[in-house]
Amino acid sequence: MFGIGKSRDRELDAAVQELAGADTVAFGGVGIAGTLLPVTEAYRRVEGALDAHPDEAREKVDWLLRHGSPAGKAYAATLLERVDPAAARDAWASLRDDRGEFTTFTGCLMDNATLGGYATERLAGT
């Protein structure tokens, strides 16, 4: 049993580090083949950890919100929406003036966004 917890910790840490350095936001498959990006897989691992180990995962998400790249912060605020909608709204509001940029994917469509613009859209519910 001792090794199982350590493995889980390492996997969660690796996923959070992947998100922290992300330059792309994609929640599903991208391109014609619908390929999952490593950052999307990392997002899903953290999302699963929020269900399985909420306290531990929440600490990691809060860290990501403070220390992540612009895309990493977008992932963190999105993850907060699942577990603490009020904290997510506060997070999005605090990110509205952030001019950091990242790439977004929705299926085959690639675009660029600023974190502030993305946050404003999330707050507006779009």
Protein backbone atom coordinates (compact mmCIF):
# COMPACT_ATOMS: atom_id res chain seq x y z
CA MET A 1 0.00 0.00 0.00
CA PHE A 2 2.84 2.39 0.76
CA GLY A 3 4.01 2.39 -2.84
CA ILE A 4 0.55 3.03 -4.26
CA GLY A 5 0.19 6.40 -2.53
CA LYS A 6 3.66 7.49 -3.59
CA SER A 7 2.93 6.54 -7.19
CA ARG A 8 -0.31 8.54 -7.07
CA ASP A 9 1.57 11.54 -5.66
CA ARG A 10 4.17 11.36 -8.43
CA GLU A 11 1.51 11.07 -11.13
CA LEU A 12 -0.43 14.04 -9.76
CA ASP A 13 2.75 16.10 -9.42
CA ALA A 14 3.77 15.25 -12.99
CA ALA A 15 0.33 16.20 -14.30
CA VAL A 16 0.37 19.52 -12.43
CA GLN A 17 3.87 20.29 -13.73
CA GLU A 18 2.70 19.54 -17.28
CA LEU A 19 -0.16 21.99 -16.83
CA ALA A 20 2.10 24.58 -15.18
CA GLY A 21 4.19 24.84 -18.32
CA ALA A 22 1.33 24.55 -20.81
CA ASP A 23 1.11 26.89 -23.78
CA THR A 24 -2.08 25.34 -25.16
CA VAL A 25 -5.60 24.86 -23.81
CA ALA A 26 -7.46 21.90 -25.28
CA PHE A 27 -10.07 19.87 -23.43
CA GLY A 28 -10.61 17.21 -26.08
CA GLY A 29 -8.96 15.71 -29.11
CA VAL A 30 -7.37 18.05 -31.63
CA GLY A 31 -6.93 17.91 -35.36
CA ILE A 32 -8.59 15.63 -37.84
CA ALA A 33 -7.41 12.55 -35.94
CA GLY A 34 -8.73 13.90 -32.62
CA THR A 35 -5.36 13.37 -30.94
CA LEU A 36 -5.18 14.04 -27.21
CA LEU A 37 -2.35 16.37 -26.33
CA PRO A 38 -0.18 15.54 -23.31
CA VAL A 39 -1.53 18.64 -21.59
CA THR A 40 -5.11 17.43 -22.11
CA GLU A 41 -4.20 14.07 -20.61
CA ALA A 42 -2.61 15.90 -17.65
CA TYR A 43 -5.78 17.96 -17.19
CA ARG A 44 -7.83 14.77 -17.08
CA ARG A 45 -5.49 13.22 -14.48
CA VAL A 46 -5.88 16.25 -12.22
CA GLU A 47 -9.63 16.26 -12.84
CA GLY A 48 -9.79 12.61 -11.76
CA ALA A 49 -7.68 13.35 -8.69
CA LEU A 50 -10.16 16.04 -7.65
CA ASP A 51 -12.81 13.30 -7.49
CA ALA A 52 -10.61 10.64 -5.87
CA HIS A 53 -8.45 12.77 -3.55
CA PRO A 54 -10.10 16.20 -3.34
CA ASP A 55 -8.02 17.80 -0.58
CA GLU A 56 -4.65 16.84 -2.05
CA ALA A 57 -5.68 17.72 -5.60
CA ARG A 58 -7.21 21.05 -4.54
CA GLU A 59 -3.88 22.12 -3.03
CA LYS A 60 -2.21 21.36 -6.36
CA VAL A 61 -4.87 23.28 -8.31
CA ASP A 62 -4.47 26.29 -6.01
CA TRP A 63 -0.69 26.13 -6.54
CA LEU A 64 -1.23 25.95 -10.32
CA LEU A 65 -3.45 29.02 -10.21
CA ARG A 66 -0.65 30.99 -8.53
CA HIS A 67 2.37 29.62 -10.42
CA GLY A 68 1.21 28.29 -13.78
CA SER A 69 1.70 29.70 -17.24
CA PRO A 70 -1.27 31.61 -18.65
CA ALA A 71 -2.64 28.34 -20.07
CA GLY A 72 -1.90 26.60 -16.77
CA LYS A 73 -3.89 29.22 -14.88
CA ALA A 74 -6.78 28.75 -17.31
CA TYR A 75 -6.71 25.01 -16.60
CA ALA A 76 -6.60 25.68 -12.84
CA ALA A 77 -9.60 28.03 -12.91
CA THR A 78 -11.51 25.55 -15.07
CA LEU A 79 -10.75 22.76 -12.61
CA LEU A 80 -12.01 24.94 -9.76
CA GLU A 81 -15.35 25.25 -11.55
CA ARG A 82 -15.93 21.56 -10.80
CA VAL A 83 -15.31 21.72 -7.06
CA ASP A 84 -15.77 25.32 -5.92
CA PRO A 85 -17.74 27.56 -8.31
CA ALA A 86 -17.33 30.64 -6.09
CA ALA A 87 -13.55 30.20 -6.00
CA ALA A 88 -13.59 29.70 -9.76
CA ARG A 89 -15.46 32.98 -10.30
CA ASP A 90 -12.95 34.74 -8.04
CA ALA A 91 -10.09 33.16 -9.96
CA TRP A 92 -11.49 34.17 -13.35
CA ALA A 93 -12.12 37.70 -12.05
CA SER A 94 -8.52 37.97 -10.83
CA LEU A 95 -7.25 36.89 -14.27
CA ARG A 96 -9.23 39.41 -16.36
CA ASP A 97 -6.31 41.82 -16.74
CA ASP A 98 -3.68 39.17 -17.53
CA ARG A 99 -2.23 39.73 -21.01
CA GLY A 100 -0.47 36.35 -21.15
CA GLU A 101 -1.18 34.47 -24.36
CA PHE A 102 -1.79 30.85 -25.26
CA THR A 103 -3.16 28.71 -28.07
CA THR A 104 -6.61 27.16 -27.88
CA PHE A 105 -7.97 24.15 -29.72
CA THR A 106 -11.57 23.20 -30.25
CA GLY A 107 -11.45 20.09 -32.40
CA CYS A 108 -9.68 21.10 -35.59
CA LEU A 109 -9.93 24.81 -34.90
CA MET A 110 -6.85 26.49 -33.51
CA ASP A 111 -6.90 30.04 -32.15
CA ASN A 112 -4.91 32.35 -29.90
CA ALA A 113 -6.22 33.97 -26.74
CA THR A 114 -5.09 36.15 -23.90
CA LEU A 115 -5.78 34.88 -20.43
CA GLY A 116 -7.69 38.07 -19.68
CA GLY A 117 -9.95 37.65 -22.70
CA TYR A 118 -10.48 33.98 -21.93
CA ALA A 119 -11.33 34.83 -18.31
CA THR A 120 -13.80 37.50 -19.40
CA GLU A 121 -15.53 34.99 -21.68
CA ARG A 122 -15.73 32.41 -18.88
CA LEU A 123 -17.22 34.96 -16.51
CA ALA A 124 -19.80 35.87 -19.15
CA GLY A 125 -20.67 32.19 -19.56
CA THR A 126 -19.55 31.89 -23.16
